[in-house]
């Protein structure tokens, strides 16, 4: 797995990696990693690796975690910059696909390069 470089993080707006945001969410709820693992049927070691950004997580597993924490996917994404206005024309949206899970996400926000 490729690790994010400092340049990647800067381009992402210096937001913490997904794993750190998931860990902060869990800790804010006072939940032990073992409890989350048991309740979500995900292994403790897997969750630990995700929280340390040493493993990727599928959409399905991430969805299971956000439902368990009672949050929305948008809660893990930094707020939009208020100084950026963009328009995505029909058919020009970016796609994220997970064929193994049968999931296709249509991103309706402009990419950083289009801003």
N, C-alpha and C. Protein backbone atom coordinates (compact mmCIF):
# COMPACT_ATOMS: atom_id res chain seq x y z
N UNK A 1 0.84 -1.18 0.00
CA UNK A 1 0.00 0.00 0.00
C UNK A 1 0.89 1.24 0.00
N UNK A 2 0.55 2.20 -0.82
CA UNK A 2 1.30 3.44 -0.87
C UNK A 2 0.88 4.33 0.30
N UNK A 3 1.85 4.95 0.92
CA UNK A 3 1.57 5.84 2.04
C UNK A 3 1.53 7.27 1.53
N UNK A 4 0.70 8.09 2.14
CA UNK A 4 0.57 9.49 1.74
C UNK A 4 1.85 10.23 2.08
N UNK A 5 2.27 11.08 1.17
CA UNK A 5 3.44 11.91 1.41
C UNK A 5 2.98 13.23 2.02
N UNK A 6 3.94 14.04 2.46
CA UNK A 6 3.60 15.36 2.98
C UNK A 6 2.89 16.19 1.92
N UNK A 7 3.31 16.03 0.65
CA UNK A 7 2.67 16.77 -0.44
C UNK A 7 1.22 16.33 -0.60
N UNK A 8 0.97 15.01 -0.47
CA UNK A 8 -0.40 14.51 -0.56
C UNK A 8 -1.26 15.12 0.54
N UNK A 9 -0.73 15.17 1.75
CA UNK A 9 -1.48 15.72 2.88
C UNK A 9 -1.74 17.22 2.68
N UNK A 10 -0.75 17.93 2.15
CA UNK A 10 -0.93 19.36 1.91
C UNK A 10 -2.01 19.58 0.86
N UNK A 11 -2.01 18.75 -0.18
CA UNK A 11 -3.03 18.88 -1.22
C UNK A 11 -4.41 18.56 -0.67
N UNK A 12 -4.48 17.73 0.34
CA UNK A 12 -5.76 17.35 0.94
C UNK A 12 -6.21 18.36 1.99
N UNK A 13 -5.50 19.46 2.11
CA UNK A 13 -5.90 20.50 3.05
C UNK A 13 -5.43 20.24 4.47
N UNK A 14 -4.36 19.50 4.63
CA UNK A 14 -3.78 19.21 5.95
C UNK A 14 -4.75 18.54 6.90
N UNK A 15 -5.76 17.87 6.40
CA UNK A 15 -6.68 17.16 7.28
C UNK A 15 -6.03 15.86 7.73
N UNK A 16 -6.39 15.39 8.91
CA UNK A 16 -5.82 14.13 9.37
C UNK A 16 -6.29 12.98 8.48
N UNK A 17 -5.48 11.94 8.36
CA UNK A 17 -5.89 10.78 7.57
C UNK A 17 -7.17 10.15 8.12
N UNK A 18 -7.83 9.37 7.29
CA UNK A 18 -9.09 8.73 7.67
C UNK A 18 -8.95 7.93 8.96
N UNK A 19 -7.87 7.18 9.09
CA UNK A 19 -7.68 6.36 10.29
C UNK A 19 -7.67 7.20 11.56
N UNK A 20 -6.99 8.33 11.51
CA UNK A 20 -6.93 9.21 12.69
C UNK A 20 -8.31 9.77 13.01
N UNK A 21 -9.09 10.06 11.98
CA UNK A 21 -10.44 10.59 12.20
C UNK A 21 -11.35 9.51 12.79
N UNK A 22 -11.17 8.26 12.32
CA UNK A 22 -11.95 7.15 12.89
C UNK A 22 -11.57 6.91 14.35
N UNK A 23 -10.28 6.97 14.64
CA UNK A 23 -9.83 6.78 16.03
C UNK A 23 -10.38 7.88 16.93
N UNK A 24 -10.32 9.12 16.47
CA UNK A 24 -10.83 10.24 17.26
C UNK A 24 -12.33 10.08 17.52
N UNK A 25 -13.06 9.59 16.53
CA UNK A 25 -14.50 9.36 16.69
C UNK A 25 -14.74 8.29 17.75
N UNK A 26 -14.00 7.20 17.67
CA UNK A 26 -14.15 6.11 18.64
C UNK A 26 -13.81 6.60 20.05
N UNK A 27 -12.69 7.29 20.18
CA UNK A 27 -12.24 7.75 21.50
C UNK A 27 -13.20 8.79 22.08
N UNK A 28 -13.78 9.64 21.22
CA UNK A 28 -14.73 10.65 21.70
C UNK A 28 -15.97 10.00 22.30
N UNK A 29 -16.26 8.78 21.87
CA UNK A 29 -17.41 8.04 22.39
C UNK A 29 -17.03 7.13 23.56
N UNK A 30 -15.75 7.18 23.94
CA UNK A 30 -15.28 6.38 25.07
C UNK A 30 -15.31 4.88 24.82
N UNK A 31 -15.16 4.49 23.56
CA UNK A 31 -15.24 3.07 23.20
C UNK A 31 -13.86 2.44 23.07
N UNK A 32 -13.73 1.26 23.63
CA UNK A 32 -12.49 0.50 23.48
C UNK A 32 -12.49 -0.18 22.11
N UNK A 33 -11.31 -0.33 21.55
CA UNK A 33 -11.18 -0.98 20.25
C UNK A 33 -11.78 -2.39 20.27
N UNK A 34 -11.57 -3.12 21.35
CA UNK A 34 -12.11 -4.48 21.46
C UNK A 34 -13.64 -4.48 21.42
N UNK A 35 -14.28 -3.49 22.03
CA UNK A 35 -15.74 -3.39 22.04
C UNK A 35 -16.27 -3.12 20.63
N UNK A 36 -15.63 -2.19 19.93
CA UNK A 36 -16.04 -1.88 18.55
C UNK A 36 -15.87 -3.11 17.67
N UNK A 37 -14.76 -3.80 17.84
CA UNK A 37 -14.50 -5.01 17.05
C UNK A 37 -15.60 -6.05 17.28
N UNK A 38 -15.93 -6.27 18.53
CA UNK A 38 -16.96 -7.26 18.87
C UNK A 38 -18.32 -6.87 18.30
N UNK A 39 -18.69 -5.61 18.46
CA UNK A 39 -20.02 -5.15 18.04
C UNK A 39 -20.19 -5.03 16.53
N UNK A 40 -19.08 -4.84 15.80
CA UNK A 40 -19.17 -4.66 14.34
C UNK A 40 -18.73 -5.89 13.57
N UNK A 41 -18.28 -6.91 14.28
CA UNK A 41 -17.78 -8.14 13.66
C UNK A 41 -16.59 -7.87 12.75
N UNK A 42 -15.76 -6.90 13.15
CA UNK A 42 -14.49 -6.63 12.49
C UNK A 42 -13.39 -6.95 13.49
N UNK A 43 -12.29 -7.50 13.03
CA UNK A 43 -11.25 -7.90 13.99
C UNK A 43 -10.58 -6.68 14.61
N UNK A 44 -10.17 -6.85 15.86
CA UNK A 44 -9.48 -5.78 16.59
C UNK A 44 -8.20 -5.39 15.85
N UNK A 45 -7.46 -6.38 15.36
CA UNK A 45 -6.20 -6.08 14.67
C UNK A 45 -6.46 -5.30 13.38
N UNK A 46 -7.53 -5.65 12.66
CA UNK A 46 -7.86 -4.92 11.44
C UNK A 46 -8.21 -3.47 11.77
N UNK A 47 -9.07 -3.27 12.76
CA UNK A 47 -9.46 -1.91 13.14
C UNK A 47 -8.25 -1.09 13.57
N UNK A 48 -7.35 -1.71 14.31
CA UNK A 48 -6.14 -1.03 14.75
C UNK A 48 -5.30 -0.60 13.55
N UNK A 49 -5.15 -1.49 12.58
CA UNK A 49 -4.37 -1.16 11.38
C UNK A 49 -5.03 -0.03 10.59
N UNK A 50 -6.35 -0.03 10.50
CA UNK A 50 -7.07 1.04 9.80
C UNK A 50 -6.85 2.36 10.53
N UNK A 51 -6.98 2.35 11.85
CA UNK A 51 -6.81 3.58 12.63
C UNK A 51 -5.39 4.13 12.54
N UNK A 52 -4.42 3.26 12.27
CA UNK A 52 -3.02 3.70 12.12
C UNK A 52 -2.66 3.92 10.65
N UNK A 53 -3.67 3.88 9.78
CA UNK A 53 -3.49 4.05 8.33
C UNK A 53 -2.49 3.07 7.76
N UNK A 54 -2.51 1.85 8.29
CA UNK A 54 -1.66 0.78 7.78
C UNK A 54 -2.46 -0.21 6.94
N UNK A 55 -3.77 0.03 6.80
CA UNK A 55 -4.62 -0.82 5.99
C UNK A 55 -5.75 0.02 5.39
N UNK A 56 -6.14 -0.35 4.20
CA UNK A 56 -7.30 0.29 3.58
C UNK A 56 -8.56 -0.33 4.16
N UNK A 57 -9.68 0.34 3.97
CA UNK A 57 -10.96 -0.18 4.44
C UNK A 57 -11.95 -0.10 3.28
N UNK A 58 -12.74 -1.14 3.11
CA UNK A 58 -13.73 -1.17 2.03
C UNK A 58 -14.89 -0.24 2.38
N UNK A 59 -15.66 0.13 1.36
CA UNK A 59 -16.84 0.97 1.60
C UNK A 59 -17.79 0.27 2.56
N UNK A 60 -17.98 -1.02 2.36
CA UNK A 60 -18.92 -1.77 3.21
C UNK A 60 -18.53 -1.76 4.67
N UNK A 61 -17.25 -1.99 4.95
CA UNK A 61 -16.78 -1.98 6.34
C UNK A 61 -16.82 -0.57 6.93
N UNK A 62 -16.46 0.42 6.12
CA UNK A 62 -16.52 1.81 6.59
C UNK A 62 -17.96 2.18 6.90
N UNK A 63 -18.89 1.76 6.06
CA UNK A 63 -20.31 2.03 6.29
C UNK A 63 -20.76 1.38 7.59
N UNK A 64 -20.29 0.18 7.85
CA UNK A 64 -20.63 -0.51 9.11
C UNK A 64 -20.15 0.30 10.31
N UNK A 65 -18.93 0.84 10.22
CA UNK A 65 -18.38 1.64 11.33
C UNK A 65 -19.14 2.95 11.53
N UNK A 66 -19.42 3.67 10.44
CA UNK A 66 -20.10 4.95 10.62
C UNK A 66 -21.51 4.75 11.15
N UNK A 67 -22.16 3.68 10.75
CA UNK A 67 -23.48 3.38 11.33
C UNK A 67 -23.36 3.07 12.82
N UNK A 68 -22.36 2.31 13.18
CA UNK A 68 -22.14 1.96 14.59
C UNK A 68 -21.87 3.21 15.42
N UNK A 69 -21.06 4.12 14.89
CA UNK A 69 -20.73 5.34 15.62
C UNK A 69 -21.87 6.36 15.58
N UNK A 70 -22.85 6.14 14.73
CA UNK A 70 -23.97 7.07 14.62
C UNK A 70 -23.60 8.37 13.93
N UNK A 71 -22.70 8.27 12.97
CA UNK A 71 -22.27 9.46 12.22
C UNK A 71 -22.60 9.26 10.75
N UNK A 72 -22.29 10.27 9.96
CA UNK A 72 -22.48 10.22 8.52
C UNK A 72 -21.12 10.27 7.85
N UNK A 73 -21.05 9.80 6.62
CA UNK A 73 -19.79 9.83 5.88
C UNK A 73 -19.22 11.25 5.86
N UNK A 74 -20.09 12.24 5.71
CA UNK A 74 -19.65 13.63 5.67
C UNK A 74 -18.97 14.10 6.95
N UNK A 75 -19.25 13.41 8.07
CA UNK A 75 -18.60 13.78 9.33
C UNK A 75 -17.11 13.45 9.31
N UNK A 76 -16.69 12.58 8.41
CA UNK A 76 -15.28 12.20 8.32
C UNK A 76 -14.53 13.02 7.29
N UNK A 77 -15.25 13.90 6.60
CA UNK A 77 -14.67 14.73 5.55
C UNK A 77 -14.59 16.16 6.07
N UNK A 78 -13.48 16.84 5.81
CA UNK A 78 -13.38 18.22 6.29
C UNK A 78 -14.44 19.10 5.63
N UNK A 79 -14.85 20.17 6.30
CA UNK A 79 -15.86 21.05 5.72
C UNK A 79 -15.37 21.67 4.42
N UNK A 80 -16.29 21.95 3.54
CA UNK A 80 -15.96 22.57 2.26
C UNK A 80 -15.43 23.97 2.49
N UNK A 81 -14.51 24.37 1.64
CA UNK A 81 -14.01 25.74 1.71
C UNK A 81 -15.11 26.67 1.24
N UNK A 82 -15.38 27.70 2.01
CA UNK A 82 -16.46 28.62 1.65
C UNK A 82 -16.09 29.54 0.50
N UNK A 83 -14.79 29.67 0.21
CA UNK A 83 -14.37 30.57 -0.86
C UNK A 83 -14.34 29.88 -2.23
N UNK A 84 -14.69 28.59 -2.27
CA UNK A 84 -14.65 27.85 -3.52
C UNK A 84 -16.07 27.55 -3.97
N UNK A 85 -16.37 27.97 -5.17
CA UNK A 85 -17.67 27.68 -5.76
C UNK A 85 -17.40 26.88 -7.02
N UNK A 86 -18.09 25.79 -7.17
CA UNK A 86 -17.86 24.96 -8.35
C UNK A 86 -19.14 24.35 -8.85
N UNK A 87 -19.11 23.97 -10.08
CA UNK A 87 -20.26 23.36 -10.71
C UNK A 87 -19.79 22.10 -11.42
N UNK A 88 -20.47 21.01 -11.19
CA UNK A 88 -20.17 19.76 -11.87
C UNK A 88 -21.31 19.50 -12.84
N UNK A 89 -20.99 19.46 -14.11
CA UNK A 89 -22.01 19.23 -15.13
C UNK A 89 -22.43 17.76 -15.14
N UNK A 90 -23.65 17.51 -15.55
CA UNK A 90 -24.16 16.14 -15.63
C UNK A 90 -23.24 15.31 -16.51
N UNK A 91 -22.88 14.16 -16.01
CA UNK A 91 -22.02 13.24 -16.75
C UNK A 91 -20.54 13.49 -16.58
N UNK A 92 -20.15 14.57 -15.88
CA UNK A 92 -18.73 14.86 -15.71
C UNK A 92 -18.25 14.61 -14.29
N UNK A 93 -19.11 14.02 -13.47
CA UNK A 93 -18.72 13.74 -12.08
C UNK A 93 -17.65 12.65 -12.03
N UNK A 94 -16.87 12.66 -10.96
CA UNK A 94 -15.88 11.61 -10.73
C UNK A 94 -16.59 10.40 -10.13
N UNK A 95 -16.06 9.22 -10.40
CA UNK A 95 -16.65 8.00 -9.88
C UNK A 95 -15.66 7.25 -9.02
N UNK A 96 -16.14 6.72 -7.92
CA UNK A 96 -15.39 5.78 -7.08
C UNK A 96 -16.15 4.47 -7.14
N UNK A 97 -15.47 3.42 -7.56
CA UNK A 97 -16.14 2.13 -7.70
C UNK A 97 -15.51 1.09 -6.80
N UNK A 98 -16.36 0.23 -6.28
CA UNK A 98 -15.92 -0.95 -5.53
C UNK A 98 -16.70 -2.13 -6.12
N UNK A 99 -16.20 -2.70 -7.25
CA UNK A 99 -16.93 -3.76 -7.92
C UNK A 99 -17.21 -4.97 -7.03
N UNK A 100 -16.28 -5.30 -6.16
CA UNK A 100 -16.48 -6.46 -5.29
C UNK A 100 -17.70 -6.28 -4.39
N UNK A 101 -17.99 -5.03 -4.04
CA UNK A 101 -19.13 -4.75 -3.17
C UNK A 101 -20.35 -4.25 -3.95
N UNK A 102 -20.18 -4.03 -5.25
CA UNK A 102 -21.28 -3.53 -6.06
C UNK A 102 -21.65 -2.10 -5.73
N UNK A 103 -20.66 -1.29 -5.34
CA UNK A 103 -20.92 0.10 -4.94
C UNK A 103 -20.28 1.03 -5.96
N UNK A 104 -21.00 2.06 -6.32
CA UNK A 104 -20.49 3.11 -7.20
C UNK A 104 -20.89 4.45 -6.60
N UNK A 105 -19.91 5.29 -6.26
CA UNK A 105 -20.17 6.61 -5.70
C UNK A 105 -19.93 7.66 -6.77
N UNK A 106 -20.86 8.56 -6.94
CA UNK A 106 -20.73 9.68 -7.88
C UNK A 106 -20.37 10.92 -7.06
N UNK A 107 -19.17 11.45 -7.29
CA UNK A 107 -18.71 12.62 -6.54
C UNK A 107 -19.16 13.88 -7.26
N UNK A 108 -20.00 14.64 -6.60
CA UNK A 108 -20.61 15.81 -7.22
C UNK A 108 -19.94 17.11 -6.82
N UNK A 109 -18.70 17.03 -6.38
CA UNK A 109 -17.93 18.22 -6.06
C UNK A 109 -16.78 18.32 -7.05
N UNK A 110 -16.38 19.53 -7.39
CA UNK A 110 -15.27 19.66 -8.33
C UNK A 110 -13.98 19.12 -7.71
N UNK A 111 -13.12 18.59 -8.55
CA UNK A 111 -11.83 18.11 -8.08
C UNK A 111 -10.94 19.29 -7.76
N UNK A 112 -9.90 19.05 -6.97
CA UNK A 112 -8.99 20.13 -6.59
C UNK A 112 -8.36 20.77 -7.82
N UNK A 113 -8.04 19.98 -8.84
CA UNK A 113 -7.41 20.53 -10.03
C UNK A 113 -8.35 21.40 -10.85
N UNK A 114 -9.67 21.18 -10.68
CA UNK A 114 -10.65 21.97 -11.43
C UNK A 114 -10.97 23.29 -10.75
N UNK A 115 -10.49 23.46 -9.53
CA UNK A 115 -10.80 24.68 -8.78
C UNK A 115 -9.92 25.76 -9.25
